[in-house]
Amino acid sequence: MPANKKYLTSSALHRILKISAGLIGGYVITIAVHLFLSLWFDKNIIMITMSFSGFILWALLLLLAFLFRNGWNAWGTYLLIALFLLIPFYWFNF
């Protein structure tokens, strides 16, 4: 059964932005979450856990990028989330 045309993204730019936000932005958030968790837990345990939970989180973030109506909103949201997770990590480690 084909998808209804009114629910598909009509702009190629927004489609590319959503795909890149899901791939690159999802990866950045995945790394940021695990770095943020390393502030409270042992870094070795977090890095071992990241090899398993990292792929799951990245795949979820890849899919969530397609729920945004606008590709710019996806990128903005992903960058803000990454920024809020990375600021405490760099603040307490330097």
PDB file of N, CA and C in Angstrom:
ATOM      1  N   MET A   1       0.845  -1.170   0.000  1.00  0.00           N
ATOM      2  CA  MET A   1       0.000   0.000   0.000  1.00  0.00           C
ATOM      3  C   MET A   1       0.896   1.240   0.000  1.00  0.00           C
ATOM      4  N   PRO A   2       0.801   2.088  -1.018  1.00  0.00           N
ATOM      5  CA  PRO A   2       1.681   3.261  -1.090  1.00  0.00           C
ATOM      6  C   PRO A   2       1.317   4.308  -0.038  1.00  0.00           C
ATOM      7  N   ALA A   3       2.303   5.120   0.300  1.00  0.00           N
ATOM      8  CA  ALA A   3       2.101   6.178   1.283  1.00  0.00           C
ATOM      9  C   ALA A   3       1.235   7.282   0.689  1.00  0.00           C
ATOM     10  N   ASN A   4       0.505   7.948   1.564  1.00  0.00           N
ATOM     11  CA  ASN A   4      -0.314   9.077   1.152  1.00  0.00           C
ATOM     12  C   ASN A   4       0.616  10.255   0.847  1.00  0.00           C
ATOM     13  N   LYS A   5       0.468  10.861  -0.311  1.00  0.00           N
ATOM     14  CA  LYS A   5       1.379  11.919  -0.776  1.00  0.00           C
ATOM     15  C   LYS A   5       1.374  13.147   0.131  1.00  0.00           C
ATOM     16  N   LYS A   6       0.274  13.417   0.804  1.00  0.00           N
ATOM     17  CA  LYS A   6       0.228  14.631   1.611  1.00  0.00           C
ATOM     18  C   LYS A   6       1.085  14.518   2.872  1.00  0.00           C
ATOM     19  N   TYR A   7       1.495  13.319   3.277  1.00  0.00           N
ATOM     20  CA  TYR A   7       2.327  13.141   4.455  1.00  0.00           C
ATOM     21  C   TYR A   7       3.813  13.057   4.117  1.00  0.00           C
ATOM     22  N   LEU A   8       4.170  13.020   2.861  1.00  0.00           N
ATOM     23  CA  LEU A   8       5.560  12.920   2.466  1.00  0.00           C
ATOM     24  C   LEU A   8       6.191  14.303   2.372  1.00  0.00           C
ATOM     25  N   THR A   9       7.481  14.381   2.611  1.00  0.00           N
ATOM     26  CA  THR A   9       8.205  15.640   2.504  1.00  0.00           C
ATOM     27  C   THR A   9       8.365  15.995   1.032  1.00  0.00           C
ATOM     28  N   SER A  10       7.915  17.187   0.674  1.00  0.00           N
ATOM     29  CA  SER A  10       7.960  17.579  -0.732  1.00  0.00           C
ATOM     30  C   SER A  10       9.297  18.207  -1.122  1.00  0.00           C
ATOM     31  N   SER A  11       9.979  18.818  -0.170  1.00  0.00           N
ATOM     32  CA  SER A  11      11.225  19.512  -0.468  1.00  0.00           C
ATOM     33  C   SER A  11      12.412  18.556  -0.346  1.00  0.00           C
ATOM     34  N   ALA A  12      13.266  18.564  -1.353  1.00  0.00           N
ATOM     35  CA  ALA A  12      14.463  17.717  -1.310  1.00  0.00           C
ATOM     36  C   ALA A  12      15.442  18.211  -0.245  1.00  0.00           C
ATOM     37  N   LEU A  13      15.486  19.541  -0.028  1.00  0.00           N
ATOM     38  CA  LEU A  13      16.382  20.096   0.981  1.00  0.00           C
ATOM     39  C   LEU A  13      16.011  19.589   2.370  1.00  0.00           C
ATOM     40  N   HIS A  14      14.719  19.607   2.708  1.00  0.00           N
ATOM     41  CA  HIS A  14      14.296  19.140   4.026  1.00  0.00           C
ATOM     42  C   HIS A  14      14.530  17.645   4.184  1.00  0.00           C
ATOM     43  N   ARG A  15      14.395  16.916   3.109  1.00  0.00           N
ATOM     44  CA  ARG A  15      14.660  15.478   3.159  1.00  0.00           C
ATOM     45  C   ARG A  15      16.138  15.215   3.452  1.00  0.00           C
ATOM     46  N   ILE A  16      17.022  15.964   2.790  1.00  0.00           N
ATOM     47  CA  ILE A  16      18.461  15.819   3.026  1.00  0.00           C
ATOM     48  C   ILE A  16      18.824  16.260   4.442  1.00  0.00           C
ATOM     49  N   LEU A  17      18.197  17.342   4.904  1.00  0.00           N
ATOM     50  CA  LEU A  17      18.468  17.818   6.255  1.00  0.00           C
ATOM     51  C   LEU A  17      18.015  16.808   7.307  1.00  0.00           C
ATOM     52  N   LYS A  18      16.886  16.175   7.099  1.00  0.00           N
ATOM     53  CA  LYS A  18      16.411  15.165   8.046  1.00  0.00           C
ATOM     54  C   LYS A  18      17.328  13.952   8.068  1.00  0.00           C
ATOM     55  N   ILE A  19      17.773  13.528   6.893  1.00  0.00           N
ATOM     56  CA  ILE A  19      18.663  12.370   6.825  1.00  0.00           C
ATOM     57  C   ILE A  19      19.998  12.687   7.499  1.00  0.00           C
ATOM     58  N   SER A  20      20.546  13.855   7.202  1.00  0.00           N
ATOM     59  CA  SER A  20      21.832  14.215   7.809  1.00  0.00           C
ATOM     60  C   SER A  20      21.702  14.468   9.307  1.00  0.00           C
ATOM     61  N   ALA A  21      20.577  15.036   9.745  1.00  0.00           N
ATOM     62  CA  ALA A  21      20.366  15.227  11.181  1.00  0.00           C
ATOM     63  C   ALA A  21      20.258  13.877  11.873  1.00  0.00           C
ATOM     64  N   GLY A  22      19.593  12.938  11.243  1.00  0.00           N
ATOM     65  CA  GLY A  22      19.474  11.613  11.841  1.00  0.00           C
ATOM     66  C   GLY A  22      20.801  10.892  11.911  1.00  0.00           C
ATOM     67  N   LEU A  23      21.577  10.962  10.845  1.00  0.00           N
ATOM     68  CA  LEU A  23      22.855  10.253  10.818  1.00  0.00           C
ATOM     69  C   LEU A  23      23.910  10.951  11.673  1.00  0.00           C
ATOM     70  N   ILE A  24      24.194  12.199  11.364  1.00  0.00           N
ATOM     71  CA  ILE A  24      25.287  12.903  12.037  1.00  0.00           C
ATOM     72  C   ILE A  24      24.852  13.425  13.408  1.00  0.00           C
ATOM     73  N   GLY A  25      23.697  14.092  13.452  1.00  0.00           N
ATOM     74  CA  GLY A  25      23.217  14.631  14.723  1.00  0.00           C
ATOM     75  C   GLY A  25      22.899  13.544  15.736  1.00  0.00           C
ATOM     76  N   GLY A  26      22.355  12.434  15.263  1.00  0.00           N
ATOM     77  CA  GLY A  26      22.076  11.316  16.155  1.00  0.00           C
ATOM     78  C   GLY A  26      23.351  10.733  16.732  1.00  0.00           C
ATOM     79  N   TYR A  27      24.398  10.670  15.913  1.00  0.00           N
ATOM     80  CA  TYR A  27      25.686  10.173  16.396  1.00  0.00           C
ATOM     81  C   TYR A  27      26.283  11.123  17.431  1.00  0.00           C
ATOM     82  N   VAL A  28      26.189  12.422  17.175  1.00  0.00           N
ATOM     83  CA  VAL A  28      26.741  13.411  18.111  1.00  0.00           C
ATOM     84  C   VAL A  28      26.000  13.345  19.443  1.00  0.00           C
ATOM     85  N   ILE A  29      24.689  13.214  19.417  1.00  0.00           N
ATOM     86  CA  ILE A  29      23.924  13.114  20.657  1.00  0.00           C
ATOM     87  C   ILE A  29      24.257  11.819  21.390  1.00  0.00           C
ATOM     88  N   THR A  30      24.436  10.741  20.660  1.00  0.00           N
ATOM     89  CA  THR A  30      24.791   9.470  21.289  1.00  0.00           C
ATOM     90  C   THR A  30      26.113   9.586  22.041  1.00  0.00           C
ATOM     91  N   ILE A  31      27.109  10.184  21.404  1.00  0.00           N
ATOM     92  CA  ILE A  31      28.397  10.385  22.067  1.00  0.00           C
ATOM     93  C   ILE A  31      28.238  11.333  23.252  1.00  0.00           C
ATOM     94  N   ALA A  32      27.449  12.397  23.093  1.00  0.00           N
ATOM     95  CA  ALA A  32      27.263  13.376  24.168  1.00  0.00           C
ATOM     96  C   ALA A  32      26.574  12.753  25.374  1.00  0.00           C
ATOM     97  N   VAL A  33      25.600  11.886  25.147  1.00  0.00           N
ATOM     98  CA  VAL A  33      24.911  11.230  26.263  1.00  0.00           C
ATOM     99  C   VAL A  33      25.887  10.371  27.052  1.00  0.00           C
ATOM    100  N   HIS A  34      26.715   9.634  26.357  1.00  0.00           N
ATOM    101  CA  HIS A  34      27.641   8.752  27.062  1.00  0.00           C
ATOM    102  C   HIS A  34      28.766   9.534  27.745  1.00  0.00           C
ATOM    103  N   LEU A  35      29.196  10.627  27.156  1.00  0.00           N
ATOM    104  CA  LEU A  35      30.168  11.475  27.843  1.00  0.00           C
ATOM    105  C   LEU A  35      29.554  12.118  29.076  1.00  0.00           C
ATOM    106  N   PHE A  36      28.295  12.511  28.975  1.00  0.00           N
ATOM    107  CA  PHE A  36      27.587  13.086  30.122  1.00  0.00           C
ATOM    108  C   PHE A  36      27.448  12.063  31.246  1.00  0.00           C
ATOM    109  N   LEU A  37      27.152  10.820  30.888  1.00  0.00           N
ATOM    110  CA  LEU A  37      27.040   9.767  31.899  1.00  0.00           C
ATOM    111  C   LEU A  37      28.377   9.433  32.547  1.00  0.00           C
ATOM    112  N   SER A  38      29.459   9.689  31.817  1.00  0.00           N
ATOM    113  CA  SER A  38      30.774   9.388  32.378  1.00  0.00           C
ATOM    114  C   SER A  38      31.162  10.340  33.505  1.00  0.00           C
ATOM    115  N   LEU A  39      30.395  11.406  33.700  1.00  0.00           N
ATOM    116  CA  LEU A  39      30.650  12.291  34.833  1.00  0.00           C
ATOM    117  C   LEU A  39      30.311  11.611  36.154  1.00  0.00           C
ATOM    118  N   TRP A  40      29.315  10.723  36.155  1.00  0.00           N
ATOM    119  CA  TRP A  40      28.859  10.094  37.391  1.00  0.00           C
ATOM    120  C   TRP A  40      29.293   8.635  37.540  1.00  0.00           C
ATOM    121  N   PHE A  41      29.550   7.977  36.442  1.00  0.00           N
ATOM    122  CA  PHE A  41      29.901   6.568  36.486  1.00  0.00           C
ATOM    123  C   PHE A  41      31.334   6.376  36.016  1.00  0.00           C
ATOM    124  N   ASP A  42      31.849   5.192  36.242  1.00  0.00           N
ATOM    125  CA  ASP A  42      33.200   4.863  35.823  1.00  0.00           C
ATOM    126  C   ASP A  42      33.319   4.946  34.300  1.00  0.00           C
ATOM    127  N   LYS A  43      34.357   5.611  33.828  1.00  0.00           N
ATOM    128  CA  LYS A  43      34.512   5.829  32.382  1.00  0.00           C
ATOM    129  C   LYS A  43      34.691   4.522  31.612  1.00  0.00           C
ATOM    130  N   ASN A  44      35.355   3.544  32.217  1.00  0.00           N
ATOM    131  CA  ASN A  44      35.543   2.271  31.533  1.00  0.00           C
ATOM    132  C   ASN A  44      34.219   1.540  31.344  1.00  0.00           C
ATOM    133  N   ILE A  45      33.374   1.587  32.344  1.00  0.00           N
ATOM    134  CA  ILE A  45      32.058   0.930  32.244  1.00  0.00           C
ATOM    135  C   ILE A  45      31.194   1.623  31.200  1.00  0.00           C
ATOM    136  N   ILE A  46      31.240   2.945  31.173  1.00  0.00           N
ATOM    137  CA  ILE A  46      30.440   3.693  30.198  1.00  0.00           C
ATOM    138  C   ILE A  46      30.904   3.383  28.774  1.00  0.00           C
ATOM    139  N   MET A  47      32.197   3.286  28.554  1.00  0.00           N
ATOM    140  CA  MET A  47      32.691   2.997  27.202  1.00  0.00           C
ATOM    141  C   MET A  47      32.326   1.576  26.761  1.00  0.00           C
ATOM    142  N   ILE A  48      32.311   0.639  27.677  1.00  0.00           N
ATOM    143  CA  ILE A  48      31.883  -0.721  27.340  1.00  0.00           C
ATOM    144  C   ILE A  48      30.380  -0.733  27.049  1.00  0.00           C
ATOM    145  N   THR A  49      29.627  -0.018  27.853  1.00  0.00           N
ATOM    146  CA  THR A  49      28.175   0.064  27.652  1.00  0.00           C
ATOM    147  C   THR A  49      27.853   0.769  26.340  1.00  0.00           C
ATOM    148  N   MET A  50      28.666   1.741  25.966  1.00  0.00           N
ATOM    149  CA  MET A  50      28.408   2.499  24.748  1.00  0.00           C
ATOM    150  C   MET A  50      28.490   1.628  23.499  1.00  0.00           C
ATOM    151  N   SER A  51      29.274   0.597  23.556  1.00  0.00           N
ATOM    152  CA  SER A  51      29.364  -0.260  22.368  1.00  0.00           C
ATOM    153  C   SER A  51      28.046  -0.961  22.082  1.00  0.00           C
ATOM    154  N   PHE A  52      27.220  -1.158  23.092  1.00  0.00           N
ATOM    155  CA  PHE A  52      25.914  -1.798  22.889  1.00  0.00           C
ATOM    156  C   PHE A  52      24.775  -0.781  22.833  1.00  0.00           C
ATOM    157  N   SER A  53      24.723   0.106  23.829  1.00  0.00           N
ATOM    158  CA  SER A  53      23.617   1.053  23.887  1.00  0.00           C
ATOM    159  C   SER A  53      23.764   2.184  22.875  1.00  0.00           C
ATOM    160  N   GLY A  54      24.971   2.423  22.410  1.00  0.00           N
ATOM    161  CA  GLY A  54      25.197   3.502  21.446  1.00  0.00           C
ATOM    162  C   GLY A  54      24.466   3.275  20.142  1.00  0.00           C
ATOM    163  N   PHE A  55      24.506   2.058  19.639  1.00  0.00           N
ATOM    164  CA  PHE A  55      23.820   1.774  18.386  1.00  0.00           C
ATOM    165  C   PHE A  55      22.310   1.889  18.540  1.00  0.00           C
ATOM    166  N   ILE A  56      21.789   1.421  19.658  1.00  0.00           N
ATOM    167  CA  ILE A  56      20.341   1.493  19.888  1.00  0.00           C
ATOM    168  C   ILE A  56      19.882   2.943  19.969  1.00  0.00           C
ATOM    169  N   LEU A  57      20.616   3.754  20.728  1.00  0.00           N
ATOM    170  CA  LEU A  57      20.258   5.172  20.854  1.00  0.00           C
ATOM    171  C   LEU A  57      20.388   5.892  19.517  1.00  0.00           C
ATOM    172  N   TRP A  58      21.463   5.607  18.774  1.00  0.00           N
ATOM    173  CA  TRP A  58      21.653   6.234  17.474  1.00  0.00           C
ATOM    174  C   TRP A  58      20.525   5.865  16.503  1.00  0.00           C
ATOM    175  N   ALA A  59      20.113   4.605  16.509  1.00  0.00           N
ATOM    176  CA  ALA A  59      19.030   4.180  15.621  1.00  0.00           C
ATOM    177  C   ALA A  59      17.715   4.868  15.989  1.00  0.00           C
ATOM    178  N   LEU A  60      17.444   5.018  17.277  1.00  0.00           N
ATOM    179  CA  LEU A  60      16.225   5.728  17.702  1.00  0.00           C
ATOM    180  C   LEU A  60      16.268   7.197  17.282  1.00  0.00           C
ATOM    181  N   LEU A  61      17.416   7.824  17.453  1.00  0.00           N
ATOM    182  CA  LEU A  61      17.536   9.225  17.057  1.00  0.00           C
ATOM    183  C   LEU A  61      17.456   9.396  15.545  1.00  0.00           C
ATOM    184  N   LEU A  62      17.931   8.406  14.808  1.00  0.00           N
ATOM    185  CA  LEU A  62      17.820   8.438  13.350  1.00  0.00           C
ATOM    186  C   LEU A  62      16.353   8.414  12.939  1.00  0.00           C
ATOM    187  N   LEU A  63      15.575   7.588  13.581  1.00  0.00           N
ATOM    188  CA  LEU A  63      14.142   7.517  13.259  1.00  0.00           C
ATOM    189  C   LEU A  63      13.388   8.753  13.736  1.00  0.00           C
ATOM    190  N   LEU A  64      13.767   9.284  14.891  1.00  0.00           N
ATOM    191  CA  LEU A  64      13.070  10.460  15.425  1.00  0.00           C
ATOM    192  C   LEU A  64      13.265  11.697  14.547  1.00  0.00           C
ATOM    193  N   ALA A  65      14.348  11.758  13.817  1.00  0.00           N
ATOM    194  CA  ALA A  65      14.592  12.918  12.948  1.00  0.00           C
ATOM    195  C   ALA A  65      13.522  13.034  11.866  1.00  0.00           C
ATOM    196  N   PHE A  66      12.928  11.943  11.483  1.00  0.00           N
ATOM    197  CA  PHE A  66      11.913  11.976  10.430  1.00  0.00           C
ATOM    198  C   PHE A  66      10.533  12.380  10.956  1.00  0.00           C
ATOM    199  N   LEU A  67      10.380  12.509  12.254  1.00  0.00           N
ATOM    200  CA  LEU A  67       9.108  12.971  12.811  1.00  0.00           C
ATOM    201  C   LEU A  67       8.966  14.491  12.769  1.00  0.00           C
ATOM    202  N   PHE A  68      10.071  15.191  12.564  1.00  0.00           N
ATOM    203  CA  PHE A  68      10.020  16.648  12.458  1.00  0.00           C
ATOM    204  C   PHE A  68       9.427  17.039  11.110  1.00  0.00           C
ATOM    205  N   ARG A  69       8.668  18.118  11.092  1.00  0.00           N
ATOM    206  CA  ARG A  69       8.097  18.602   9.839  1.00  0.00           C
ATOM    207  C   ARG A  69       9.139  19.336   8.998  1.00  0.00           C
ATOM    208  N   ASN A  70      10.132  19.916   9.670  1.00  0.00           N
ATOM    209  CA  ASN A  70      11.127  20.744   9.011  1.00  0.00           C
ATOM    210  C   ASN A  70      12.513  20.194   9.328  1.00  0.00           C
ATOM    211  N   GLY A  71      13.373  20.103   8.345  1.00  0.00           N
ATOM    212  CA  GLY A  71      14.724  19.602   8.562  1.00  0.00           C
ATOM    213  C   GLY A  71      15.565  20.527   9.422  1.00  0.00           C
ATOM    214  N   TRP A  72      15.320  21.833   9.309  1.00  0.00           N
ATOM    215  CA  TRP A  72      16.065  22.784  10.141  1.00  0.00           C
ATOM    216  C   TRP A  72      15.706  22.623  11.608  1.00  0.00           C
ATOM    217  N   ASN A  73      14.451  22.324  11.906  1.00  0.00           N
ATOM    218  CA  ASN A  73      14.054  22.085  13.294  1.00  0.00           C
ATOM    219  C   ASN A  73      14.732  20.846  13.857  1.00  0.00           C
ATOM    220  N   ALA A  74      14.881  19.832  13.049  1.00  0.00           N
ATOM    221  CA  ALA A  74      15.563  18.616  13.490  1.00  0.00           C
ATOM    222  C   ALA A  74      17.015  18.925  13.843  1.00  0.00           C
ATOM    223  N   TRP A  75      17.695  19.656  12.960  1.00  0.00           N
ATOM    224  CA  TRP A  75      19.091  20.004  13.232  1.00  0.00           C
ATOM    225  C   TRP A  75      19.208  20.896  14.462  1.00  0.00           C
ATOM    226  N   GLY A  76      18.335  21.884  14.573  1.00  0.00           N
ATOM    227  CA  GLY A  76      18.386  22.783  15.728  1.00  0.00           C
ATOM    228  C   GLY A  76      18.156  22.061  17.037  1.00  0.00           C
ATOM    229  N   THR A  77      17.187  21.180  17.053  1.00  0.00           N
ATOM    230  CA  THR A  77      16.894  20.429  18.271  1.00  0.00           C
ATOM    231  C   THR A  77      18.041  19.506  18.632  1.00  0.00           C
ATOM    232  N   TYR A  78      18.579  18.811  17.654  1.00  0.00           N
ATOM    233  CA  TYR A  78      19.683  17.886  17.916  1.00  0.00           C
ATOM    234  C   TYR A  78      20.930  18.631  18.390  1.00  0.00           C
ATOM    235  N   LEU A  79      21.215  19.792  17.808  1.00  0.00           N
ATOM    236  CA  LEU A  79      22.389  20.548  18.242  1.00  0.00           C
ATOM    237  C   LEU A  79      22.212  21.129  19.643  1.00  0.00           C
ATOM    238  N   LEU A  80      21.000  21.573  19.973  1.00  0.00           N
ATOM    239  CA  LEU A  80      20.751  22.075  21.328  1.00  0.00           C
ATOM    240  C   LEU A  80      20.874  20.971  22.373  1.00  0.00           C
ATOM    241  N   ILE A  81      20.343  19.806  22.070  1.00  0.00           N
ATOM    242  CA  ILE A  81      20.457  18.681  23.001  1.00  0.00           C
ATOM    243  C   ILE A  81      21.918  18.316  23.207  1.00  0.00           C
ATOM    244  N   ALA A  82      22.675  18.250  22.129  1.00  0.00           N
ATOM    245  CA  ALA A  82      24.102  17.921  22.233  1.00  0.00           C
ATOM    246  C   ALA A  82      24.852  18.992  23.019  1.00  0.00           C
ATOM    247  N   LEU A  83      24.520  20.238  22.792  1.00  0.00           N
ATOM    248  CA  LEU A  83      25.177  21.332  23.500  1.00  0.00           C
ATOM    249  C   LEU A  83      24.909  21.258  24.997  1.00  0.00           C
ATOM    250  N   PHE A  84      23.656  21.010  25.385  1.00  0.00           N
ATOM    251  CA  PHE A  84      23.315  20.926  26.802  1.00  0.00           C
ATOM    252  C   PHE A  84      23.941  19.716  27.480  1.00  0.00           C
ATOM    253  N   LEU A  85      24.219  18.672  26.731  1.00  0.00           N
ATOM    254  CA  LEU A  85      24.866  17.499  27.310  1.00  0.00           C
ATOM    255  C   LEU A  85      26.385  17.637  27.356  1.00  0.00           C
ATOM    256  N   LEU A  86      26.965  18.363  26.415  1.00  0.00           N
ATOM    257  CA  LEU A  86      28.421  18.480  26.358  1.00  0.00           C
ATOM    258  C   LEU A  86      28.977  19.588  27.248  1.00  0.00           C
ATOM    259  N   ILE A  87      28.203  20.625  27.516  1.00  0.00           N
ATOM    260  CA  ILE A  87      28.692  21.728  28.348  1.00  0.00           C
ATOM    261  C   ILE A  87      29.091  21.241  29.746  1.00  0.00           C
ATOM    262  N   PRO A  88      28.265  20.470  30.461  1.00  0.00           N
ATOM    263  CA  PRO A  88      28.722  20.005  31.786  1.00  0.00           C
ATOM    264  C   PRO A  88      29.941  19.092  31.710  1.00  0.00           C
ATOM    265  N   PHE A  89      30.034  18.279  30.671  1.00  0.00           N
ATOM    266  CA  PHE A  89      31.192  17.390  30.541  1.00  0.00           C
ATOM    267  C   PHE A  89      32.474  18.206  30.413  1.00  0.00           C
ATOM    268  N   TYR A  90      32.482  19.189  29.543  1.00  0.00           N
ATOM    269  CA  TYR A  90      33.682  19.994  29.362  1.00  0.00           C
ATOM    270  C   TYR A  90      33.916  20.940  30.529  1.00  0.00           C
ATOM    271  N   TRP A  91      32.858  21.355  31.189  1.00  0.00           N
ATOM    272  CA  TRP A  91      32.994  22.254  32.335  1.00  0.00           C
ATOM    273  C   TRP A  91      33.706  21.563  33.490  1.00  0.00           C
ATOM    274  N   PHE A  92      33.351  20.311  33.763  1.00  0.00           N
ATOM    275  CA  PHE A  92      33.928  19.605  34.903  1.00  0.00           C
ATOM    276  C   PHE A  92      35.205  18.850  34.589  1.00  0.00           C
ATOM    277  N   ASN A  93      35.560  18.690  33.336  1.00  0.00           N
ATOM    278  CA  ASN A  93      36.778  17.964  32.992  1.00  0.00           C
ATOM    279  C   ASN A  93      37.948  18.870  32.616  1.00  0.00           C
ATOM    280  N   PHE A  94      37.716  20.152  32.476  1.00  0.00           N
ATOM    281  CA  PHE A  94      38.829  21.055  32.144  1.00  0.00           C
ATOM    282  C   PHE A  94      39.000  22.113  33.172  1.00  0.00           C
TER     283      PHE A  94
END
